[in-house]
Amino acid sequence: MQFKIFGREPAAILYGLQSLLAVLVAFGVITGSAADYLMTVAGGVMALIVALTTRPVVVAAITGAASTILTGIVSFGLPGLSFTTAQQGVIIAALAAVLGLMLRQNQEPKETALTNA
């Protein structure tokens, strides 16, 4: 079963948003920078949604999505949020550690077949 949002795959929703933003930029409704910001954060949010609904949970996918969202927010400037690159790295590392500790109890190594050569 494929994951869908509003009956559509996440990639299709992002393509639709990208097209809509291109039209809005072309008609001067929003700036190119605003469209970049929206696509970066939307891509991160979609990745986070997919990562959270995937089983078994993949910690790297969640931290990657969170990193994309955080980078988008900081790079394009959200009032009240100004993190240095080092601070962003520490936030992502802490998130990975917390998620790893929380989810470790639910993970087990994949069985591998041992063959004699």
C-alpha atoms as a PDB file:
ATOM      1  CA  MET A   1       0.000   0.000   0.000  1.00  0.00           C
ATOM      2  CA  GLN A   2       1.365   3.385  -0.968  1.00  0.00           C
ATOM      3  CA  PHE A   3       1.185   6.364   1.354  1.00  0.00           C
ATOM      4  CA  LYS A   4      -1.131   9.109   0.123  1.00  0.00           C
ATOM      5  CA  ILE A   5      -2.177  12.554   1.305  1.00  0.00           C
ATOM      6  CA  PHE A   6      -5.555  13.781   0.037  1.00  0.00           C
ATOM      7  CA  GLY A   7      -5.554  10.770  -2.288  1.00  0.00           C
ATOM      8  CA  ARG A   8      -2.246  11.768  -3.907  1.00  0.00           C
ATOM      9  CA  GLU A   9       1.342  10.678  -3.478  1.00  0.00           C
ATOM     10  CA  PRO A  10       3.510  13.250  -1.646  1.00  0.00           C
ATOM     11  CA  ALA A  11       5.643  13.825  -4.768  1.00  0.00           C
ATOM     12  CA  ALA A  12       2.530  14.719  -6.794  1.00  0.00           C
ATOM     13  CA  ILE A  13       1.498  17.251  -4.168  1.00  0.00           C
ATOM     14  CA  LEU A  14       4.965  18.826  -4.279  1.00  0.00           C
ATOM     15  CA  TYR A  15       4.876  18.989  -8.093  1.00  0.00           C
ATOM     16  CA  GLY A  16       1.500  20.709  -7.909  1.00  0.00           C
ATOM     17  CA  LEU A  17       2.774  23.195  -5.325  1.00  0.00           C
ATOM     18  CA  GLN A  18       5.843  23.900  -7.443  1.00  0.00           C
ATOM     19  CA  SER A  19       3.654  24.617 -10.474  1.00  0.00           C
ATOM     20  CA  LEU A  20       1.368  26.889  -8.464  1.00  0.00           C
ATOM     21  CA  LEU A  21       4.333  28.796  -7.058  1.00  0.00           C
ATOM     22  CA  ALA A  22       5.801  29.226 -10.557  1.00  0.00           C
ATOM     23  CA  VAL A  23       2.539  30.824 -11.710  1.00  0.00           C
ATOM     24  CA  LEU A  24       2.443  33.087  -8.643  1.00  0.00           C
ATOM     25  CA  VAL A  25       6.038  34.206  -9.266  1.00  0.00           C
ATOM     26  CA  ALA A  26       5.364  34.782 -12.975  1.00  0.00           C
ATOM     27  CA  PHE A  27       2.426  37.071 -12.166  1.00  0.00           C
ATOM     28  CA  GLY A  28       4.341  38.920  -9.439  1.00  0.00           C
ATOM     29  CA  VAL A  29       2.142  37.720  -6.575  1.00  0.00           C
ATOM     30  CA  ILE A  30       5.149  36.415  -4.627  1.00  0.00           C
ATOM     31  CA  THR A  31       8.907  36.718  -5.049  1.00  0.00           C
ATOM     32  CA  GLY A  32      11.229  33.973  -6.207  1.00  0.00           C
ATOM     33  CA  SER A  33      12.790  33.911  -2.736  1.00  0.00           C
ATOM     34  CA  ALA A  34       9.407  33.331  -1.129  1.00  0.00           C
ATOM     35  CA  ALA A  35       8.734  30.475  -3.565  1.00  0.00           C
ATOM     36  CA  ASP A  36      12.152  28.966  -2.756  1.00  0.00           C
ATOM     37  CA  TYR A  37      11.410  29.161   0.952  1.00  0.00           C
ATOM     38  CA  LEU A  38       7.984  27.574   0.555  1.00  0.00           C
ATOM     39  CA  MET A  39       9.290  24.708  -1.609  1.00  0.00           C
ATOM     40  CA  THR A  40      12.187  23.962   0.739  1.00  0.00           C
ATOM     41  CA  VAL A  41      10.007  23.857   3.822  1.00  0.00           C
ATOM     42  CA  ALA A  42       7.182  21.995   2.027  1.00  0.00           C
ATOM     43  CA  GLY A  43       9.653  19.386   0.786  1.00  0.00           C
ATOM     44  CA  GLY A  44      10.987  18.930   4.302  1.00  0.00           C
ATOM     45  CA  VAL A  45       7.498  18.675   5.777  1.00  0.00           C
ATOM     46  CA  MET A  46       6.454  16.053   3.183  1.00  0.00           C
ATOM     47  CA  ALA A  47       9.628  14.083   3.860  1.00  0.00           C
ATOM     48  CA  LEU A  48       8.934  14.275   7.592  1.00  0.00           C
ATOM     49  CA  ILE A  49       5.348  13.060   7.151  1.00  0.00           C
ATOM     50  CA  VAL A  50       6.474  10.137   5.019  1.00  0.00           C
ATOM     51  CA  ALA A  51       9.318   9.308   7.428  1.00  0.00           C
ATOM     52  CA  LEU A  52       6.983   9.328  10.436  1.00  0.00           C
ATOM     53  CA  THR A  53       4.464   7.053   8.756  1.00  0.00           C
ATOM     54  CA  THR A  54       7.017   4.547   7.431  1.00  0.00           C
ATOM     55  CA  ARG A  55       7.457   1.306   9.344  1.00  0.00           C
ATOM     56  CA  PRO A  56       9.907   0.397  10.627  1.00  0.00           C
ATOM     57  CA  VAL A  57      10.819   3.967  11.561  1.00  0.00           C
ATOM     58  CA  VAL A  58      14.018   5.212   9.962  1.00  0.00           C
ATOM     59  CA  VAL A  59      15.725   7.707  12.263  1.00  0.00           C
ATOM     60  CA  ALA A  60      17.962   9.030   9.464  1.00  0.00           C
ATOM     61  CA  ALA A  61      14.899   9.904   7.359  1.00  0.00           C
ATOM     62  CA  ILE A  62      13.315  11.862  10.196  1.00  0.00           C
ATOM     63  CA  THR A  63      16.492  13.770  11.013  1.00  0.00           C
ATOM     64  CA  GLY A  64      17.087  14.460   7.307  1.00  0.00           C
ATOM     65  CA  ALA A  65      13.607  15.901   6.960  1.00  0.00           C
ATOM     66  CA  ALA A  66      14.021  17.983  10.118  1.00  0.00           C
ATOM     67  CA  SER A  67      17.363  19.226   8.810  1.00  0.00           C
ATOM     68  CA  THR A  68      15.763  20.320   5.532  1.00  0.00           C
ATOM     69  CA  ILE A  69      12.986  22.189   7.350  1.00  0.00           C
ATOM     70  CA  LEU A  70      15.424  23.856   9.756  1.00  0.00           C
ATOM     71  CA  THR A  71      17.786  24.847   6.935  1.00  0.00           C
ATOM     72  CA  GLY A  72      14.913  26.314   4.927  1.00  0.00           C
ATOM     73  CA  ILE A  73      13.616  28.314   7.855  1.00  0.00           C
ATOM     74  CA  VAL A  74      17.044  29.651   8.810  1.00  0.00           C
ATOM     75  CA  SER A  75      18.328  30.263   5.268  1.00  0.00           C
ATOM     76  CA  PHE A  76      15.346  32.269   4.124  1.00  0.00           C
ATOM     77  CA  GLY A  77      14.943  34.044   7.438  1.00  0.00           C
ATOM     78  CA  LEU A  78      12.027  33.570   9.743  1.00  0.00           C
ATOM     79  CA  PRO A  79      11.642  36.413  12.236  1.00  0.00           C
ATOM     80  CA  GLY A  80      12.988  35.468  15.634  1.00  0.00           C
ATOM     81  CA  LEU A  81      14.982  32.473  14.384  1.00  0.00           C
ATOM     82  CA  SER A  82      18.625  32.953  13.622  1.00  0.00           C
ATOM     83  CA  PHE A  83      20.828  29.921  14.162  1.00  0.00           C
ATOM     84  CA  THR A  84      24.451  29.582  13.208  1.00  0.00           C
ATOM     85  CA  THR A  85      25.555  26.578  11.183  1.00  0.00           C
ATOM     86  CA  ALA A  86      27.058  25.087  14.341  1.00  0.00           C
ATOM     87  CA  GLN A  87      23.786  25.535  16.239  1.00  0.00           C
ATOM     88  CA  GLN A  88      21.850  23.874  13.408  1.00  0.00           C
ATOM     89  CA  GLY A  89      24.272  20.942  13.510  1.00  0.00           C
ATOM     90  CA  VAL A  90      23.872  20.549  17.260  1.00  0.00           C
ATOM     91  CA  ILE A  91      20.059  20.632  16.996  1.00  0.00           C
ATOM     92  CA  ILE A  92      20.061  17.924  14.319  1.00  0.00           C
ATOM     93  CA  ALA A  93      22.603  15.800  16.241  1.00  0.00           C
ATOM     94  CA  ALA A  94      20.522  16.080  19.419  1.00  0.00           C
ATOM     95  CA  LEU A  95      17.372  15.146  17.495  1.00  0.00           C
ATOM     96  CA  ALA A  96      19.108  12.091  16.047  1.00  0.00           C
ATOM     97  CA  ALA A  97      20.324  11.027  19.497  1.00  0.00           C
ATOM     98  CA  VAL A  98      16.915  11.437  21.127  1.00  0.00           C
ATOM     99  CA  LEU A  99      15.121   9.610  18.316  1.00  0.00           C
ATOM    100  CA  GLY A 100      17.752   6.878  18.335  1.00  0.00           C
ATOM    101  CA  LEU A 101      17.286   6.323  22.066  1.00  0.00           C
ATOM    102  CA  MET A 102      13.491   6.417  21.845  1.00  0.00           C
ATOM    103  CA  LEU A 103      13.253   4.106  18.870  1.00  0.00           C
ATOM    104  CA  ARG A 104      16.104   1.703  19.675  1.00  0.00           C
ATOM    105  CA  GLN A 105      13.866  -0.529  21.773  1.00  0.00           C
ATOM    106  CA  ASN A 106      11.634  -1.117  18.745  1.00  0.00           C
ATOM    107  CA  GLN A 107      14.423  -2.027  16.341  1.00  0.00           C
ATOM    108  CA  GLU A 108      16.217  -5.291  15.858  1.00  0.00           C
ATOM    109  CA  PRO A 109      18.916  -6.358  13.446  1.00  0.00           C
ATOM    110  CA  LYS A 110      17.853  -7.897  10.168  1.00  0.00           C
ATOM    111  CA  GLU A 111      18.592 -11.615   9.948  1.00  0.00           C
ATOM    112  CA  THR A 112      21.242 -12.460   7.420  1.00  0.00           C
ATOM    113  CA  ALA A 113      21.816 -15.766   5.750  1.00  0.00           C
ATOM    114  CA  LEU A 114      25.253 -17.173   6.397  1.00  0.00           C
ATOM    115  CA  THR A 115      26.654 -19.116   3.509  1.00  0.00           C
ATOM    116  CA  ASN A 116      29.701 -21.298   3.351  1.00  0.00           C
ATOM    117  CA  ALA A 117      31.970 -20.487   0.490  1.00  0.00           C
END
